[in-house]
Full PDB file with SEQRES, HELIX, SHEET, SSBOND, CRYST1, ORIGX, SCALE, CONECT and MASTER records, all heavy atoms in Angstrom:
SEQRES   1 A   40  ILE PHE SER ARG PRO ASN ILE THR THR GLU ASP MET ARG          
SEQRES   2 A   40  LYS VAL ALA SER VAL GLU ASP TYR ILE GLN SER HIS ASN          
SEQRES   3 A   40  LEU ASP ASN GLU VAL ILE GLU GLN ALA GLU ILE GLN ILE          
SEQRES   4 A   40  LYS                                                          
HELIX    1 AA1 THR A    9  MET A   12  1                                   4    
HELIX    2 AA2 ALA A   16  SER A   24  1                                   9    
HELIX    3 AA3 ASN A   29  ILE A   39  1                                  11    
CRYST1    1.000    1.000    1.000  90.00  90.00  90.00 P 1           1          
ORIGX1      1.000000  0.000000  0.000000        0.00000                         
ORIGX2      0.000000  1.000000  0.000000        0.00000                         
ORIGX3      0.000000  0.000000  1.000000        0.00000                         
SCALE1      1.000000  0.000000  0.000000        0.00000                         
SCALE2      0.000000  1.000000  0.000000        0.00000                         
SCALE3      0.000000  0.000000  1.000000        0.00000                         
ATOM      1  N   ILE A   1     -40.926  18.864  64.567  1.00  0.00           N  
ATOM      2  CA  ILE A   1     -42.149  19.176  63.827  1.00  0.00           C  
ATOM      3  C   ILE A   1     -42.174  18.587  62.347  1.00  0.00           C  
ATOM      4  O   ILE A   1     -43.117  18.172  61.974  1.00  0.00           O  
ATOM      5  CB  ILE A   1     -42.377  20.764  63.837  1.00  0.00           C  
ATOM      6  CG1 ILE A   1     -42.729  21.105  65.354  1.00  0.00           C  
ATOM      7  CG2 ILE A   1     -43.393  21.214  62.900  1.00  0.00           C  
ATOM      8  CD1 ILE A   1     -42.531  22.547  65.598  1.00  0.00           C  
ATOM      9  N   PHE A   2     -40.982  18.686  61.825  1.00  0.00           N  
ATOM     10  CA  PHE A   2     -40.967  18.242  60.347  1.00  0.00           C  
ATOM     11  C   PHE A   2     -41.147  16.636  60.310  1.00  0.00           C  
ATOM     12  O   PHE A   2     -41.588  16.108  59.338  1.00  0.00           O  
ATOM     13  CB  PHE A   2     -39.495  18.543  59.801  1.00  0.00           C  
ATOM     14  CG  PHE A   2     -39.393  18.560  58.321  1.00  0.00           C  
ATOM     15  CD1 PHE A   2     -40.567  18.231  57.506  1.00  0.00           C  
ATOM     16  CD2 PHE A   2     -38.146  18.753  57.731  1.00  0.00           C  
ATOM     17  CE1 PHE A   2     -40.375  18.253  56.104  1.00  0.00           C  
ATOM     18  CE2 PHE A   2     -38.121  18.805  56.407  1.00  0.00           C  
ATOM     19  CZ  PHE A   2     -39.095  18.468  55.533  1.00  0.00           C  
ATOM     20  N   SER A   3     -40.895  16.014  61.412  1.00  0.00           N  
ATOM     21  CA  SER A   3     -41.006  14.557  61.538  1.00  0.00           C  
ATOM     22  C   SER A   3     -42.507  14.147  61.484  1.00  0.00           C  
ATOM     23  O   SER A   3     -42.772  13.020  61.170  1.00  0.00           O  
ATOM     24  CB  SER A   3     -40.284  14.000  62.869  1.00  0.00           C  
ATOM     25  OG  SER A   3     -39.079  14.209  62.908  1.00  0.00           O  
ATOM     26  N   ARG A   4     -43.399  14.905  61.741  1.00  0.00           N  
ATOM     27  CA  ARG A   4     -44.838  14.703  61.631  1.00  0.00           C  
ATOM     28  C   ARG A   4     -45.220  14.237  60.170  1.00  0.00           C  
ATOM     29  O   ARG A   4     -44.862  14.916  59.294  1.00  0.00           O  
ATOM     30  CB  ARG A   4     -45.633  15.828  62.078  1.00  0.00           C  
ATOM     31  CG  ARG A   4     -45.494  16.360  63.439  1.00  0.00           C  
ATOM     32  CD  ARG A   4     -46.457  17.409  63.942  1.00  0.00           C  
ATOM     33  NE  ARG A   4     -46.180  17.909  65.231  1.00  0.00           N  
ATOM     34  CZ  ARG A   4     -47.018  18.681  65.881  1.00  0.00           C  
ATOM     35  NH1 ARG A   4     -48.244  19.159  65.285  1.00  0.00           N  
ATOM     36  NH2 ARG A   4     -46.823  19.179  67.127  1.00  0.00           N  
ATOM     37  N   PRO A   5     -45.937  13.220  60.034  1.00  0.00           N  
ATOM     38  CA  PRO A   5     -46.282  12.606  58.775  1.00  0.00           C  
ATOM     39  C   PRO A   5     -46.847  13.516  57.737  1.00  0.00           C  
ATOM     40  O   PRO A   5     -46.593  13.456  56.624  1.00  0.00           O  
ATOM     41  CB  PRO A   5     -47.066  11.425  58.961  1.00  0.00           C  
ATOM     42  CG  PRO A   5     -47.479  11.424  60.508  1.00  0.00           C  
ATOM     43  CD  PRO A   5     -46.583  12.287  61.115  1.00  0.00           C  
ATOM     44  N   ASN A   6     -47.820  14.413  58.191  1.00  0.00           N  
ATOM     45  CA  ASN A   6     -48.513  15.155  57.215  1.00  0.00           C  
ATOM     46  C   ASN A   6     -47.840  16.660  56.888  1.00  0.00           C  
ATOM     47  O   ASN A   6     -48.334  17.473  56.334  1.00  0.00           O  
ATOM     48  CB  ASN A   6     -49.886  15.336  57.725  1.00  0.00           C  
ATOM     49  CG  ASN A   6     -50.063  15.999  59.014  1.00  0.00           C  
ATOM     50  OD1 ASN A   6     -49.102  15.976  59.807  1.00  0.00           O  
ATOM     51  ND2 ASN A   6     -51.180  16.669  59.332  1.00  0.00           N  
ATOM     52  N   ILE A   7     -46.640  16.810  57.526  1.00  0.00           N  
ATOM     53  CA  ILE A   7     -45.899  18.145  57.378  1.00  0.00           C  
ATOM     54  C   ILE A   7     -44.879  17.977  56.223  1.00  0.00           C  
ATOM     55  O   ILE A   7     -44.049  17.094  56.305  1.00  0.00           O  
ATOM     56  CB  ILE A   7     -45.276  18.646  58.617  1.00  0.00           C  
ATOM     57  CG1 ILE A   7     -46.339  18.859  59.733  1.00  0.00           C  
ATOM     58  CG2 ILE A   7     -44.481  19.956  58.426  1.00  0.00           C  
ATOM     59  CD1 ILE A   7     -47.474  19.718  59.411  1.00  0.00           C  
ATOM     60  N   THR A   8     -44.993  18.699  55.245  1.00  0.00           N  
ATOM     61  CA  THR A   8     -44.164  18.683  53.999  1.00  0.00           C  
ATOM     62  C   THR A   8     -43.045  19.664  54.016  1.00  0.00           C  
ATOM     63  O   THR A   8     -43.073  20.624  54.755  1.00  0.00           O  
ATOM     64  CB  THR A   8     -45.064  18.686  52.735  1.00  0.00           C  
ATOM     65  OG1 THR A   8     -45.425  20.109  52.686  1.00  0.00           O  
ATOM     66  CG2 THR A   8     -46.110  17.759  52.748  1.00  0.00           C  
ATOM     67  N   THR A   9     -42.064  19.508  53.028  1.00  0.00           N  
ATOM     68  CA  THR A   9     -41.099  20.595  52.808  1.00  0.00           C  
ATOM     69  C   THR A   9     -41.775  21.962  52.529  1.00  0.00           C  
ATOM     70  O   THR A   9     -41.332  22.879  53.074  1.00  0.00           O  
ATOM     71  CB  THR A   9     -40.253  20.256  51.663  1.00  0.00           C  
ATOM     72  OG1 THR A   9     -39.544  18.840  52.003  1.00  0.00           O  
ATOM     73  CG2 THR A   9     -39.093  21.201  51.421  1.00  0.00           C  
ATOM     74  N   GLU A  10     -42.797  21.882  51.736  1.00  0.00           N  
ATOM     75  CA  GLU A  10     -43.623  23.165  51.389  1.00  0.00           C  
ATOM     76  C   GLU A  10     -44.081  23.881  52.608  1.00  0.00           C  
ATOM     77  O   GLU A  10     -43.969  25.030  52.767  1.00  0.00           O  
ATOM     78  CB  GLU A  10     -44.702  22.856  50.403  1.00  0.00           C  
ATOM     79  CG  GLU A  10     -44.336  22.588  48.921  1.00  0.00           C  
ATOM     80  CD  GLU A  10     -43.518  21.409  48.742  1.00  0.00           C  
ATOM     81  OE1 GLU A  10     -43.700  20.325  49.382  1.00  0.00           O  
ATOM     82  OE2 GLU A  10     -42.442  21.533  48.036  1.00  0.00           O  
ATOM     83  N   ASP A  11     -44.486  23.076  53.622  1.00  0.00           N  
ATOM     84  CA  ASP A  11     -44.985  23.726  54.866  1.00  0.00           C  
ATOM     85  C   ASP A  11     -43.995  24.320  55.608  1.00  0.00           C  
ATOM     86  O   ASP A  11     -43.991  25.422  56.088  1.00  0.00           O  
ATOM     87  CB  ASP A  11     -45.699  22.619  55.704  1.00  0.00           C  
ATOM     88  CG  ASP A  11     -46.890  21.911  54.984  1.00  0.00           C  
ATOM     89  OD1 ASP A  11     -47.668  22.623  54.409  1.00  0.00           O  
ATOM     90  OD2 ASP A  11     -47.115  20.734  55.129  1.00  0.00           O  
ATOM     91  N   MET A  12     -42.764  23.535  55.747  1.00  0.00           N  
ATOM     92  CA  MET A  12     -41.590  24.160  56.527  1.00  0.00           C  
ATOM     93  C   MET A  12     -40.930  25.335  55.765  1.00  0.00           C  
ATOM     94  O   MET A  12     -40.452  26.207  56.532  1.00  0.00           O  
ATOM     95  CB  MET A  12     -40.572  23.023  56.620  1.00  0.00           C  
ATOM     96  CG  MET A  12     -41.010  21.766  57.455  1.00  0.00           C  
ATOM     97  SD  MET A  12     -41.715  22.180  59.217  1.00  0.00           S  
ATOM     98  CE  MET A  12     -40.354  22.815  59.986  1.00  0.00           C  
ATOM     99  N   ARG A  13     -41.100  25.385  54.560  1.00  0.00           N  
ATOM    100  CA  ARG A  13     -40.569  26.520  53.877  1.00  0.00           C  
ATOM    101  C   ARG A  13     -41.239  27.888  54.152  1.00  0.00           C  
ATOM    102  O   ARG A  13     -40.702  28.936  53.740  1.00  0.00           O  
ATOM    103  CB  ARG A  13     -40.476  26.275  52.315  1.00  0.00           C  
ATOM    104  CG  ARG A  13     -39.402  25.282  51.963  1.00  0.00           C  
ATOM    105  CD  ARG A  13     -39.291  25.098  50.420  1.00  0.00           C  
ATOM    106  NE  ARG A  13     -38.435  26.103  49.870  1.00  0.00           N  
ATOM    107  CZ  ARG A  13     -37.912  25.935  48.684  1.00  0.00           C  
ATOM    108  NH1 ARG A  13     -37.838  24.805  48.137  1.00  0.00           N  
ATOM    109  NH2 ARG A  13     -37.062  26.827  48.156  1.00  0.00           N  
ATOM    110  N   LYS A  14     -42.546  27.770  54.803  1.00  0.00           N  
ATOM    111  CA  LYS A  14     -43.187  28.921  55.202  1.00  0.00           C  
ATOM    112  C   LYS A  14     -42.605  29.582  56.453  1.00  0.00           C  
ATOM    113  O   LYS A  14     -42.962  30.638  56.750  1.00  0.00           O  
ATOM    114  CB  LYS A  14     -44.658  28.638  55.370  1.00  0.00           C  
ATOM    115  CG  LYS A  14     -45.430  28.190  54.186  1.00  0.00           C  
ATOM    116  CD  LYS A  14     -46.802  27.726  54.315  1.00  0.00           C  
ATOM    117  CE  LYS A  14     -47.453  27.177  53.146  1.00  0.00           C  
ATOM    118  NZ  LYS A  14     -48.544  26.217  53.349  1.00  0.00           N  
ATOM    119  N   VAL A  15     -41.653  28.793  57.071  1.00  0.00           N  
ATOM    120  CA  VAL A  15     -40.977  29.323  58.222  1.00  0.00           C  
ATOM    121  C   VAL A  15     -39.765  30.157  57.685  1.00  0.00           C  
ATOM    122  O   VAL A  15     -39.005  29.592  56.839  1.00  0.00           O  
ATOM    123  CB  VAL A  15     -40.445  28.157  59.170  1.00  0.00           C  
ATOM    124  CG1 VAL A  15     -39.625  28.798  60.270  1.00  0.00           C  
ATOM    125  CG2 VAL A  15     -41.672  27.374  59.620  1.00  0.00           C  
ATOM    126  N   ALA A  16     -39.788  31.359  58.004  1.00  0.00           N  
ATOM    127  CA  ALA A  16     -38.776  32.336  57.294  1.00  0.00           C  
ATOM    128  C   ALA A  16     -37.245  31.831  57.494  1.00  0.00           C  
ATOM    129  O   ALA A  16     -36.552  31.800  56.569  1.00  0.00           O  
ATOM    130  CB  ALA A  16     -38.803  33.643  58.012  1.00  0.00           C  
ATOM    131  N   SER A  17     -36.920  31.168  58.704  1.00  0.00           N  
ATOM    132  CA  SER A  17     -35.465  30.796  58.752  1.00  0.00           C  
ATOM    133  C   SER A  17     -35.145  29.542  57.771  1.00  0.00           C  
ATOM    134  O   SER A  17     -34.064  29.429  57.428  1.00  0.00           O  
ATOM    135  CB  SER A  17     -35.226  30.367  60.233  1.00  0.00           C  
ATOM    136  OG  SER A  17     -36.052  29.345  60.583  1.00  0.00           O  
ATOM    137  N   VAL A  18     -36.122  28.775  57.500  1.00  0.00           N  
ATOM    138  CA  VAL A  18     -35.883  27.610  56.599  1.00  0.00           C  
ATOM    139  C   VAL A  18     -35.740  28.104  55.234  1.00  0.00           C  
ATOM    140  O   VAL A  18     -34.685  27.730  54.572  1.00  0.00           O  
ATOM    141  CB  VAL A  18     -37.206  26.527  56.652  1.00  0.00           C  
ATOM    142  CG1 VAL A  18     -36.937  25.515  55.692  1.00  0.00           C  
ATOM    143  CG2 VAL A  18     -37.272  26.042  58.088  1.00  0.00           C  
ATOM    144  N   GLU A  19     -36.647  28.909  54.833  1.00  0.00           N  
ATOM    145  CA  GLU A  19     -36.432  29.524  53.383  1.00  0.00           C  
ATOM    146  C   GLU A  19     -35.121  30.279  53.317  1.00  0.00           C  
ATOM    147  O   GLU A  19     -34.422  30.220  52.252  1.00  0.00           O  
ATOM    148  CB  GLU A  19     -37.667  30.373  53.053  1.00  0.00           C  
ATOM    149  CG  GLU A  19     -37.676  30.735  51.556  1.00  0.00           C  
ATOM    150  CD  GLU A  19     -37.654  29.706  50.562  1.00  0.00           C  
ATOM    151  OE1 GLU A  19     -38.261  28.627  51.030  1.00  0.00           O  
ATOM    152  OE2 GLU A  19     -37.239  29.845  49.532  1.00  0.00           O  
ATOM    153  N   ASP A  20     -34.725  31.086  54.404  1.00  0.00           N  
ATOM    154  CA  ASP A  20     -33.473  31.876  54.324  1.00  0.00           C  
ATOM    155  C   ASP A  20     -32.364  30.894  54.168  1.00  0.00           C  
ATOM    156  O   ASP A  20     -31.375  31.044  53.447  1.00  0.00           O  
ATOM    157  CB  ASP A  20     -33.350  32.695  55.606  1.00  0.00           C  
ATOM    158  CG  ASP A  20     -34.346  33.863  55.650  1.00  0.00           C  
ATOM    159  OD1 ASP A  20     -34.816  34.149  54.628  1.00  0.00           O  
ATOM    160  OD2 ASP A  20     -34.490  34.374  56.778  1.00  0.00           O  
ATOM    161  N   TYR A  21     -32.463  29.774  54.914  1.00  0.00           N  
ATOM    162  CA  TYR A  21     -31.241  28.768  54.898  1.00  0.00           C  
ATOM    163  C   TYR A  21     -31.113  28.173  53.441  1.00  0.00           C  
ATOM    164  O   TYR A  21     -30.040  27.988  52.930  1.00  0.00           O  
ATOM    165  CB  TYR A  21     -31.529  27.632  55.832  1.00  0.00           C  
ATOM    166  CG  TYR A  21     -30.293  26.670  55.902  1.00  0.00           C  
ATOM    167  CD1 TYR A  21     -29.465  26.735  56.957  1.00  0.00           C  
ATOM    168  CD2 TYR A  21     -30.151  25.700  55.075  1.00  0.00           C  
ATOM    169  CE1 TYR A  21     -28.320  25.918  57.108  1.00  0.00           C  
ATOM    170  CE2 TYR A  21     -29.092  24.745  55.153  1.00  0.00           C  
ATOM    171  CZ  TYR A  21     -28.198  24.994  56.099  1.00  0.00           C  
ATOM    172  OH  TYR A  21     -27.037  23.990  56.319  1.00  0.00           O  
ATOM    173  N   ILE A  22     -32.325  27.801  52.889  1.00  0.00           N  
ATOM    174  CA  ILE A  22     -32.237  27.222  51.536  1.00  0.00           C  
ATOM    175  C   ILE A  22     -31.637  28.117  50.532  1.00  0.00           C  
ATOM    176  O   ILE A  22     -30.795  27.830  49.766  1.00  0.00           O  
ATOM    177  CB  ILE A  22     -33.668  26.826  51.097  1.00  0.00           C  
ATOM    178  CG1 ILE A  22     -34.125  25.561  51.909  1.00  0.00           C  
ATOM    179  CG2 ILE A  22     -33.690  26.497  49.561  1.00  0.00           C  
ATOM    180  CD1 ILE A  22     -35.632  25.252  51.838  1.00  0.00           C  
ATOM    181  N   GLN A  23     -32.003  29.471  50.640  1.00  0.00           N  
ATOM    182  CA  GLN A  23     -31.640  30.454  49.674  1.00  0.00           C  
ATOM    183  C   GLN A  23     -30.086  30.847  49.908  1.00  0.00           C  
ATOM    184  O   GLN A  23     -29.318  30.910  48.875  1.00  0.00           O  
ATOM    185  CB  GLN A  23     -32.430  31.727  49.701  1.00  0.00           C  
ATOM    186  CG  GLN A  23     -33.910  31.567  49.389  1.00  0.00           C  
ATOM    187  CD  GLN A  23     -34.123  30.979  47.878  1.00  0.00           C  
ATOM    188  OE1 GLN A  23     -33.319  31.270  47.090  1.00  0.00           O  
ATOM    189  NE2 GLN A  23     -35.165  30.148  47.782  1.00  0.00           N  
ATOM    190  N   SER A  24     -29.763  31.012  51.030  1.00  0.00           N  
ATOM    191  CA  SER A  24     -28.315  31.423  51.431  1.00  0.00           C  
ATOM    192  C   SER A  24     -27.385  30.322  51.051  1.00  0.00           C  
ATOM    193  O   SER A  24     -26.262  30.592  50.861  1.00  0.00           O  
ATOM    194  CB  SER A  24     -28.283  31.852  52.806  1.00  0.00           C  
ATOM    195  OG  SER A  24     -28.510  30.834  53.706  1.00  0.00           O  
ATOM    196  N   HIS A  25     -27.671  29.000  51.200  1.00  0.00           N  
ATOM    197  CA  HIS A  25     -26.900  27.876  50.902  1.00  0.00           C  
ATOM    198  C   HIS A  25     -27.089  27.352  49.613  1.00  0.00           C  
ATOM    199  O   HIS A  25     -26.445  26.315  49.104  1.00  0.00           O  
ATOM    200  CB  HIS A  25     -27.144  26.771  51.910  1.00  0.00           C  
ATOM    201  CG  HIS A  25     -26.584  27.098  53.226  1.00  0.00           C  
ATOM    202  ND1 HIS A  25     -27.222  27.997  54.140  1.00  0.00           N  
ATOM    203  CD2 HIS A  25     -25.351  26.895  54.070  1.00  0.00           C  
ATOM    204  CE1 HIS A  25     -26.598  28.057  55.221  1.00  0.00           C  
ATOM    205  NE2 HIS A  25     -25.468  27.438  55.151  1.00  0.00           N  
ATOM    206  N   ASN A  26     -28.100  28.047  48.732  1.00  0.00           N  
ATOM    207  CA  ASN A  26     -28.267  27.600  47.319  1.00  0.00           C  
ATOM    208  C   ASN A  26     -28.548  26.086  47.170  1.00  0.00           C  
ATOM    209  O   ASN A  26     -27.896  25.436  46.431  1.00  0.00           O  
ATOM    210  CB  ASN A  26     -26.989  28.094  46.509  1.00  0.00           C  
ATOM    211  CG  ASN A  26     -27.383  28.037  45.027  1.00  0.00           C  
ATOM    212  OD1 ASN A  26     -28.529  28.213  44.550  1.00  0.00           O  
ATOM    213  ND2 ASN A  26     -26.240  27.971  44.169  1.00  0.00           N  
ATOM    214  N   LEU A  27     -29.446  25.655  47.940  1.00  0.00           N  
ATOM    215  CA  LEU A  27     -29.760  24.123  47.952  1.00  0.00           C  
ATOM    216  C   LEU A  27     -30.679  23.787  46.775  1.00  0.00           C  
ATOM    217  O   LEU A  27     -31.651  24.477  46.582  1.00  0.00           O  
ATOM    218  CB  LEU A  27     -30.473  23.742  49.343  1.00  0.00           C  
ATOM    219  CG  LEU A  27     -29.747  23.976  50.598  1.00  0.00           C  
ATOM    220  CD1 LEU A  27     -30.443  23.461  51.824  1.00  0.00           C  
ATOM    221  CD2 LEU A  27     -28.330  23.429  50.510  1.00  0.00           C  
ATOM    222  N   ASP A  28     -30.408  22.697  46.038  1.00  0.00           N  
ATOM    223  CA  ASP A  28     -31.193  22.311  45.021  1.00  0.00           C  
ATOM    224  C   ASP A  28     -32.181  21.204  45.544  1.00  0.00           C  
ATOM    225  O   ASP A  28     -32.166  20.818  46.674  1.00  0.00           O  
ATOM    226  CB  ASP A  28     -30.410  21.670  43.692  1.00  0.00           C  
ATOM    227  CG  ASP A  28     -29.576  20.429  44.243  1.00  0.00           C  
ATOM    228  OD1 ASP A  28     -30.035  19.869  45.193  1.00  0.00           O  
ATOM    229  OD2 ASP A  28     -28.607  20.294  43.489  1.00  0.00           O  
ATOM    230  N   ASN A  29     -33.197  20.812  44.579  1.00  0.00           N  
ATOM    231  CA  ASN A  29     -34.186  20.072  45.104  1.00  0.00           C  
ATOM    232  C   ASN A  29     -33.711  18.634  45.542  1.00  0.00           C  
ATOM    233  O   ASN A  29     -34.409  18.044  46.464  1.00  0.00           O  
ATOM    234  CB  ASN A  29     -35.224  19.722  43.802  1.00  0.00           C  
ATOM    235  CG  ASN A  29     -36.065  21.004  43.660  1.00  0.00           C  
ATOM    236  OD1 ASN A  29     -36.245  21.746  44.654  1.00  0.00           O  
ATOM    237  ND2 ASN A  29     -36.563  21.163  42.413  1.00  0.00           N  
ATOM    238  N   GLU A  30     -32.677  18.198  44.968  1.00  0.00           N  
ATOM    239  CA  GLU A  30     -32.205  16.837  45.347  1.00  0.00           C  
ATOM    240  C   GLU A  30     -31.710  16.800  46.828  1.00  0.00           C  
ATOM    241  O   GLU A  30     -31.961  15.959  47.674  1.00  0.00           O  
ATOM    242  CB  GLU A  30     -30.894  16.307  44.446  1.00  0.00           C  
ATOM    243  CG  GLU A  30     -31.386  15.657  43.197  1.00  0.00           C  
ATOM    244  CD  GLU A  30     -30.130  14.998  42.557  1.00  0.00           C  
ATOM    245  OE1 GLU A  30     -29.383  14.227  43.221  1.00  0.00           O  
ATOM    246  OE2 GLU A  30     -29.931  15.244  41.355  1.00  0.00           O  
ATOM    247  N   VAL A  31     -31.037  17.962  47.160  1.00  0.00           N  
ATOM    248  CA  VAL A  31     -30.506  18.078  48.590  1.00  0.00           C  
ATOM    249  C   VAL A  31     -31.727  18.209  49.595  1.00  0.00           C  
ATOM    250  O   VAL A  31     -31.797  17.557  50.608  1.00  0.00           O  
ATOM    251  CB  VAL A  31     -29.594  19.260  48.723  1.00  0.00           C  
ATOM    252  CG1 VAL A  31     -29.251  19.562  50.186  1.00  0.00           C  
ATOM    253  CG2 VAL A  31     -28.392  19.084  47.874  1.00  0.00           C  
ATOM    254  N   ILE A  32     -32.750  19.126  49.227  1.00  0.00           N  
ATOM    255  CA  ILE A  32     -33.892  19.262  49.946  1.00  0.00           C  
ATOM    256  C   ILE A  32     -34.676  18.009  50.211  1.00  0.00           C  
ATOM    257  O   ILE A  32     -35.035  17.656  51.285  1.00  0.00           O  
ATOM    258  CB  ILE A  32     -34.774  20.492  49.361  1.00  0.00           C  
ATOM    259  CG1 ILE A  32     -33.962  21.778  49.394  1.00  0.00           C  
ATOM    260  CG2 ILE A  32     -36.110  20.600  50.187  1.00  0.00           C  
ATOM    261  CD1 ILE A  32     -34.626  22.790  48.444  1.00  0.00           C  
ATOM    262  N   GLU A  33     -34.826  17.147  49.129  1.00  0.00           N  
ATOM    263  CA  GLU A  33     -35.631  15.854  49.214  1.00  0.00           C  
ATOM    264  C   GLU A  33     -34.910  14.954  50.109  1.00  0.00           C  
ATOM    265  O   GLU A  33     -35.437  14.293  50.990  1.00  0.00           O  
ATOM    266  CB  GLU A  33     -35.756  15.418  47.802  1.00  0.00           C  
ATOM    267  CG  GLU A  33     -36.476  14.015  47.763  1.00  0.00           C  
ATOM    268  CD  GLU A  33     -36.607  13.444  46.358  1.00  0.00           C  
ATOM    269  OE1 GLU A  33     -35.756  12.839  46.003  1.00  0.00           O  
ATOM    270  OE2 GLU A  33     -37.556  13.825  45.679  1.00  0.00           O  
ATOM    271  N   GLN A  34     -33.555  14.850  49.965  1.00  0.00           N  
ATOM    272  CA  GLN A  34     -32.682  13.984  50.768  1.00  0.00           C  
ATOM    273  C   GLN A  34     -32.715  14.282  52.262  1.00  0.00           C  
ATOM    274  O   GLN A  34     -32.939  13.401  53.092  1.00  0.00           O  
ATOM    275  CB  GLN A  34     -31.220  14.216  50.260  1.00  0.00           C  
ATOM    276  CG  GLN A  34     -30.292  13.091  50.646  1.00  0.00           C  
ATOM    277  CD  GLN A  34     -30.690  11.717  50.552  1.00  0.00           C  
ATOM    278  OE1 GLN A  34     -30.792  10.849  51.400  1.00  0.00           O  
ATOM    279  NE2 GLN A  34     -31.089  11.412  49.235  1.00  0.00           N  
ATOM    280  N   ALA A  35     -32.752  15.593  52.619  1.00  0.00           N  
ATOM    281  CA  ALA A  35     -32.877  15.997  53.982  1.00  0.00           C  
ATOM    282  C   ALA A  35     -34.254  15.575  54.540  1.00  0.00           C  
ATOM    283  O   ALA A  35     -34.328  15.061  55.663  1.00  0.00           O  
ATOM    284  CB  ALA A  35     -32.664  17.491  54.190  1.00  0.00           C  
ATOM    285  N   GLU A  36     -35.303  15.902  53.744  1.00  0.00           N  
ATOM    286  CA  GLU A  36     -36.646  15.374  54.163  1.00  0.00           C  
ATOM    287  C   GLU A  36     -36.809  13.857  54.464  1.00  0.00           C  
ATOM    288  O   GLU A  36     -37.361  13.555  55.537  1.00  0.00           O  
ATOM    289  CB  GLU A  36     -37.816  15.908  53.107  1.00  0.00           C  
ATOM    290  CG  GLU A  36     -39.101  15.451  53.573  1.00  0.00           C  
ATOM    291  CD  GLU A  36     -40.219  15.929  52.554  1.00  0.00           C  
ATOM    292  OE1 GLU A  36     -39.865  16.456  51.501  1.00  0.00           O  
ATOM    293  OE2 GLU A  36     -41.369  15.876  52.927  1.00  0.00           O  
ATOM    294  N   ILE A  37     -36.266  13.100  53.576  1.00  0.00           N  
ATOM    295  CA  ILE A  37     -36.337  11.601  53.752  1.00  0.00           C  
ATOM    296  C   ILE A  37     -35.431  11.198  55.002  1.00  0.00           C  
ATOM    297  O   ILE A  37     -35.948  10.321  55.833  1.00  0.00           O  
ATOM    298  CB  ILE A  37     -35.728  10.900  52.552  1.00  0.00           C  
ATOM    299  CG1 ILE A  37     -36.591  11.060  51.287  1.00  0.00           C  
ATOM    300  CG2 ILE A  37     -35.470   9.371  52.813  1.00  0.00           C  
ATOM    301  CD1 ILE A  37     -36.076  10.767  50.024  1.00  0.00           C  
ATOM    302  N   GLN A  38     -34.228  11.793  55.198  1.00  0.00           N  
ATOM    303  CA  GLN A  38     -33.475  11.508  56.395  1.00  0.00           C  
ATOM    304  C   GLN A  38     -34.230  11.847  57.711  1.00  0.00           C  
ATOM    305  O   GLN A  38     -34.078  11.168  58.788  1.00  0.00           O  
ATOM    306  CB  GLN A  38     -32.174  12.205  56.288  1.00  0.00           C  
ATOM    307  CG  GLN A  38     -31.252  11.783  55.222  1.00  0.00           C  
ATOM    308  CD  GLN A  38     -30.838  10.246  55.328  1.00  0.00           C  
ATOM    309  OE1 GLN A  38     -30.730   9.665  56.389  1.00  0.00           O  
ATOM    310  NE2 GLN A  38     -30.551   9.609  54.154  1.00  0.00           N  
ATOM    311  N   ILE A  39     -34.952  12.884  57.735  1.00  0.00           N  
ATOM    312  CA  ILE A  39     -35.762  13.349  58.910  1.00  0.00           C  
ATOM    313  C   ILE A  39     -36.848  12.538  59.121  1.00  0.00           C  
ATOM    314  O   ILE A  39     -37.216  12.014  60.257  1.00  0.00           O  
ATOM    315  CB  ILE A  39     -36.164  14.862  58.707  1.00  0.00           C  
ATOM    316  CG1 ILE A  39     -34.887  15.688  58.850  1.00  0.00           C  
ATOM    317  CG2 ILE A  39     -37.053  15.286  59.813  1.00  0.00           C  
ATOM    318  CD1 ILE A  39     -35.097  17.166  58.390  1.00  0.00           C  
ATOM    319  N   LYS A  40     -37.713  12.330  58.064  1.00  0.00           N  
ATOM    320  CA  LYS A  40     -38.941  11.565  58.245  1.00  0.00           C  
ATOM    321  C   LYS A  40     -38.831  10.168  58.488  1.00  0.00           C  
ATOM    322  O   LYS A  40     -39.637   9.455  59.190  1.00  0.00           O  
ATOM    323  CB  LYS A  40     -39.900  11.870  57.055  1.00  0.00           C  
ATOM    324  CG  LYS A  40     -40.504  13.298  57.067  1.00  0.00           C  
ATOM    325  CD  LYS A  40     -41.634  13.322  55.995  1.00  0.00           C  
ATOM    326  CE  LYS A  40     -42.371  14.782  56.193  1.00  0.00           C  
ATOM    327  NZ  LYS A  40     -42.872  14.970  57.361  1.00  0.00           N  
TER     328      LYS A  40                                                      
MASTER        0    0    0    3    0    0    0    6  327    1    0    4          
END                                                                             
């Protein structure tokens, strides 16, 4: 789903498990952006 061109990190963060993962692993913006690029 994240691979779809018009779906952004902000969209995926609305999914509870994604936001929980980001908060519990204390991910910063560089890591989040890096993951998005690797997926898309």
